[in-house]
Every structure is written in structure tokens, then in C-alpha cells.
């Protein structure tokens, strides 16, 4: 289970980084959705 948590944390970090530098509004909205989804998954893993 720890491996899954580490993977999701890593994916969350990447998604947050992409969200911060994204200039396209559609892509930014998509990345916001991914960030929220990864946070939701992490909340269930904790």
C-alpha cells in the first residue's frame, strides 16, 4: 500500500507543477481536475 501512496504523491506533485505553469485555460482546468482527483485518492489511502 505504501508503494501506491508514493506513486499517487508523485503524480500529485507532477500535476501540481504542470498546473502552476500551464497557460492554456482548458489544459489548466483539466490539470485542476487531476490534482483534485489525486488528493481525493490520497485522502482515502491515509
PDB file of N, CA and C in Angstrom:
ATOM      1  N   UNK A   1       0.819  -1.194   0.000  1.00  0.00           N
ATOM      2  CA  UNK A   1       0.000   0.000   0.000  1.00  0.00           C
ATOM      3  C   UNK A   1       0.867   1.264   0.000  1.00  0.00           C
ATOM      4  N   UNK A   2       2.008   1.201   0.644  1.00  0.00           N
ATOM      5  CA  UNK A   2       2.906   2.360   0.673  1.00  0.00           C
ATOM      6  C   UNK A   2       3.393   2.717  -0.724  1.00  0.00           C
ATOM      7  N   UNK A   3       3.632   1.708  -1.568  1.00  0.00           N
ATOM      8  CA  UNK A   3       4.066   1.991  -2.933  1.00  0.00           C
ATOM      9  C   UNK A   3       3.000   2.763  -3.687  1.00  0.00           C
ATOM     10  N   UNK A   4       1.747   2.380  -3.516  1.00  0.00           N
ATOM     11  CA  UNK A   4       0.652   3.080  -4.185  1.00  0.00           C
ATOM     12  C   UNK A   4       0.585   4.524  -3.697  1.00  0.00           C
ATOM     13  N   UNK A   5       0.718   4.711  -2.402  1.00  0.00           N
ATOM     14  CA  UNK A   5       0.674   6.062  -1.829  1.00  0.00           C
ATOM     15  C   UNK A   5       1.816   6.918  -2.379  1.00  0.00           C
ATOM     16  N   UNK A   6       3.011   6.349  -2.475  1.00  0.00           N
ATOM     17  CA  UNK A   6       4.157   7.085  -3.011  1.00  0.00           C
ATOM     18  C   UNK A   6       3.941   7.455  -4.469  1.00  0.00           C
ATOM     19  N   UNK A   7       3.366   6.543  -5.235  1.00  0.00           N
ATOM     20  CA  UNK A   7       3.101   6.809  -6.651  1.00  0.00           C
ATOM     21  C   UNK A   7       2.084   7.938  -6.791  1.00  0.00           C
ATOM     22  N   UNK A   8       1.015   7.881  -6.017  1.00  0.00           N
ATOM     23  CA  UNK A   8      -0.017   8.918  -6.092  1.00  0.00           C
ATOM     24  C   UNK A   8       0.550  10.262  -5.642  1.00  0.00           C
ATOM     25  N   UNK A   9       1.378  10.269  -4.611  1.00  0.00           N
ATOM     26  CA  UNK A   9       2.010  11.516  -4.161  1.00  0.00           C
ATOM     27  C   UNK A   9       2.904  12.089  -5.255  1.00  0.00           C
ATOM     28  N   UNK A  10       3.619  11.231  -5.948  1.00  0.00           N
ATOM     29  CA  UNK A  10       4.473  11.669  -7.046  1.00  0.00           C
ATOM     30  C   UNK A  10       3.638  12.246  -8.188  1.00  0.00           C
ATOM     31  N   UNK A  11       2.564  11.548  -8.543  1.00  0.00           N
ATOM     32  CA  UNK A  11       1.679  12.036  -9.601  1.00  0.00           C
ATOM     33  C   UNK A  11       1.045  13.367  -9.213  1.00  0.00           C
ATOM     34  N   UNK A  12       0.687  13.513  -7.953  1.00  0.00           N
ATOM     35  CA  UNK A  12       0.122  14.766  -7.470  1.00  0.00           C
ATOM     36  C   UNK A  12       1.135  15.896  -7.624  1.00  0.00           C
ATOM     37  N   UNK A  13       2.383  15.642  -7.270  1.00  0.00           N
ATOM     38  CA  UNK A  13       3.427  16.653  -7.413  1.00  0.00           C
ATOM     39  C   UNK A  13       3.609  17.087  -8.855  1.00  0.00           C
ATOM     40  N   UNK A  14       3.597  16.135  -9.766  1.00  0.00           N
ATOM     41  CA  UNK A  14       3.731  16.453 -11.192  1.00  0.00           C
ATOM     42  C   UNK A  14       2.529  17.265 -11.662  1.00  0.00           C
ATOM     43  N   UNK A  15       1.334  16.826 -11.296  1.00  0.00           N
ATOM     44  CA  UNK A  15       0.117  17.530 -11.716  1.00  0.00           C
ATOM     45  C   UNK A  15       0.096  18.960 -11.178  1.00  0.00           C
ATOM     46  N   UNK A  16       0.508  19.147  -9.933  1.00  0.00           N
ATOM     47  CA  UNK A  16       0.547  20.496  -9.357  1.00  0.00           C
ATOM     48  C   UNK A  16       1.558  21.368 -10.086  1.00  0.00           C
ATOM     49  N   UNK A  17       2.704  20.800 -10.442  1.00  0.00           N
ATOM     50  CA  UNK A  17       3.726  21.559 -11.166  1.00  0.00           C
ATOM     51  C   UNK A  17       3.230  21.976 -12.544  1.00  0.00           C
ATOM     52  N   UNK A  18       2.595  21.055 -13.241  1.00  0.00           N
ATOM     53  CA  UNK A  18       2.062  21.368 -14.569  1.00  0.00           C
ATOM     54  C   UNK A  18       0.971  22.428 -14.450  1.00  0.00           C
ATOM     55  N   UNK A  19       0.114  22.296 -13.455  1.00  0.00           N
ATOM     56  CA  UNK A  19      -0.963  23.271 -13.243  1.00  0.00           C
ATOM     57  C   UNK A  19      -0.393  24.674 -13.050  1.00  0.00           C
ATOM     58  N   UNK A  20       0.682  24.789 -12.292  1.00  0.00           N
ATOM     59  CA  UNK A  20       1.268  26.099 -11.984  1.00  0.00           C
ATOM     60  C   UNK A  20       1.814  26.804 -13.218  1.00  0.00           C
ATOM     61  N   UNK A  21       2.341  26.054 -14.177  1.00  0.00           N
ATOM     62  CA  UNK A  21       2.969  26.684 -15.340  1.00  0.00           C
ATOM     63  C   UNK A  21       2.077  26.695 -16.577  1.00  0.00           C
ATOM     64  N   UNK A  22       0.932  26.066 -16.491  1.00  0.00           N
ATOM     65  CA  UNK A  22       0.047  25.940 -17.648  1.00  0.00           C
ATOM     66  C   UNK A  22      -0.606  27.282 -17.970  1.00  0.00           C
ATOM     67  N   UNK A  23      -0.547  27.668 -19.246  1.00  0.00           N
ATOM     68  CA  UNK A  23      -1.158  28.926 -19.667  1.00  0.00           C
ATOM     69  C   UNK A  23      -2.477  28.714 -20.401  1.00  0.00           C
ATOM     70  N   UNK A  24      -2.692  27.535 -20.971  1.00  0.00           N
ATOM     71  CA  UNK A  24      -3.925  27.225 -21.682  1.00  0.00           C
ATOM     72  C   UNK A  24      -5.034  26.947 -20.667  1.00  0.00           C
ATOM     73  N   UNK A  25      -6.129  27.685 -20.759  1.00  0.00           N
ATOM     74  CA  UNK A  25      -7.197  27.576 -19.760  1.00  0.00           C
ATOM     75  C   UNK A  25      -7.857  26.198 -19.747  1.00  0.00           C
ATOM     76  N   UNK A  26      -8.031  25.592 -20.911  1.00  0.00           N
ATOM     77  CA  UNK A  26      -8.648  24.259 -20.964  1.00  0.00           C
ATOM     78  C   UNK A  26      -7.729  23.233 -20.309  1.00  0.00           C
ATOM     79  N   UNK A  27      -6.455  23.296 -20.627  1.00  0.00           N
ATOM     80  CA  UNK A  27      -5.492  22.366 -20.025  1.00  0.00           C
ATOM     81  C   UNK A  27      -5.376  22.616 -18.524  1.00  0.00           C
ATOM     82  N   UNK A  28      -5.420  23.881 -18.128  1.00  0.00           N
ATOM     83  CA  UNK A  28      -5.334  24.212 -16.704  1.00  0.00           C
ATOM     84  C   UNK A  28      -6.532  23.627 -15.948  1.00  0.00           C
ATOM     85  N   UNK A  29      -7.716  23.702 -16.538  1.00  0.00           N
ATOM     86  CA  UNK A  29      -8.908  23.132 -15.910  1.00  0.00           C
ATOM     87  C   UNK A  29      -8.777  21.616 -15.799  1.00  0.00           C
ATOM     88  N   UNK A  30      -8.226  20.983 -16.823  1.00  0.00           N
ATOM     89  CA  UNK A  30      -8.030  19.533 -16.791  1.00  0.00           C
ATOM     90  C   UNK A  30      -7.044  19.150 -15.693  1.00  0.00           C
ATOM     91  N   UNK A  31      -5.961  19.899 -15.574  1.00  0.00           N
ATOM     92  CA  UNK A  31      -4.965  19.606 -14.543  1.00  0.00           C
ATOM     93  C   UNK A  31      -5.542  19.859 -13.151  1.00  0.00           C
ATOM     94  N   UNK A  32      -6.393  20.863 -13.014  1.00  0.00           N
ATOM     95  CA  UNK A  32      -7.049  21.110 -11.730  1.00  0.00           C
ATOM     96  C   UNK A  32      -7.881  19.892 -11.332  1.00  0.00           C
ATOM     97  N   UNK A  33      -8.570  19.316 -12.293  1.00  0.00           N
ATOM     98  CA  UNK A  33      -9.348  18.108 -12.028  1.00  0.00           C
ATOM     99  C   UNK A  33      -8.474  16.949 -11.601  1.00  0.00           C
ATOM    100  N   UNK A  34      -7.314  16.818 -12.240  1.00  0.00           N
ATOM    101  CA  UNK A  34      -6.404  15.736 -11.868  1.00  0.00           C
ATOM    102  C   UNK A  34      -5.843  15.949 -10.469  1.00  0.00           C
ATOM    103  N   UNK A  35      -5.475  17.179 -10.142  1.00  0.00           N
ATOM    104  CA  UNK A  35      -4.956  17.483  -8.806  1.00  0.00           C
ATOM    105  C   UNK A  35      -6.002  17.121  -7.753  1.00  0.00           C
ATOM    106  N   UNK A  36      -7.240  17.502  -7.999  1.00  0.00           N
ATOM    107  CA  UNK A  36      -8.320  17.190  -7.049  1.00  0.00           C
ATOM    108  C   UNK A  36      -8.513  15.681  -6.914  1.00  0.00           C
ATOM    109  N   UNK A  37      -8.441  14.982  -8.037  1.00  0.00           N
ATOM    110  CA  UNK A  37      -8.624  13.525  -8.012  1.00  0.00           C
ATOM    111  C   UNK A  37      -7.498  12.851  -7.236  1.00  0.00           C
ATOM    112  N   UNK A  38      -6.258  13.262  -7.462  1.00  0.00           N
ATOM    113  CA  UNK A  38      -5.132  12.667  -6.734  1.00  0.00           C
ATOM    114  C   UNK A  38      -5.242  12.952  -5.241  1.00  0.00           C
ATOM    115  N   UNK A  39      -5.672  14.168  -4.888  1.00  0.00           N
ATOM    116  CA  UNK A  39      -5.854  14.496  -3.463  1.00  0.00           C
ATOM    117  C   UNK A  39      -6.948  13.634  -2.845  1.00  0.00           C
ATOM    118  N   UNK A  40      -8.007  13.386  -3.592  1.00  0.00           N
ATOM    119  CA  UNK A  40      -9.099  12.541  -3.101  1.00  0.00           C
ATOM    120  C   UNK A  40      -8.601  11.116  -2.870  1.00  0.00           C
ATOM    121  N   UNK A  41      -7.821  10.602  -3.805  1.00  0.00           N
ATOM    122  CA  UNK A  41      -7.269   9.248  -3.654  1.00  0.00           C
ATOM    123  C   UNK A  41      -6.373   9.190  -2.422  1.00  0.00           C
ATOM    124  N   UNK A  42      -5.506  10.193  -2.253  1.00  0.00           N
ATOM    125  CA  UNK A  42      -4.620  10.214  -1.089  1.00  0.00           C
ATOM    126  C   UNK A  42      -5.410  10.260   0.215  1.00  0.00           C
ATOM    127  N   UNK A  43      -6.509  10.990   0.229  1.00  0.00           N
ATOM    128  CA  UNK A  43      -7.303  11.063   1.458  1.00  0.00           C
ATOM    129  C   UNK A  43      -7.866   9.696   1.827  1.00  0.00           C
ATOM    130  N   UNK A  44      -8.130   8.866   0.840  1.00  0.00           N
ATOM    131  CA  UNK A  44      -8.641   7.521   1.115  1.00  0.00           C
ATOM    132  C   UNK A  44      -7.523   6.550   1.487  1.00  0.00           C
ATOM    133  N   UNK A  45      -6.297   6.851   1.064  1.00  0.00           N
ATOM    134  CA  UNK A  45      -5.168   5.978   1.383  1.00  0.00           C
ATOM    135  C   UNK A  45      -4.620   6.241   2.780  1.00  0.00           C
ATOM    136  N   UNK A  46      -4.871   7.420   3.316  1.00  0.00           N
ATOM    137  CA  UNK A  46      -4.353   7.767   4.654  1.00  0.00           C
ATOM    138  C   UNK A  46      -5.168   7.176   5.748  1.00  0.00           C
TER     139      UNK A  46
END
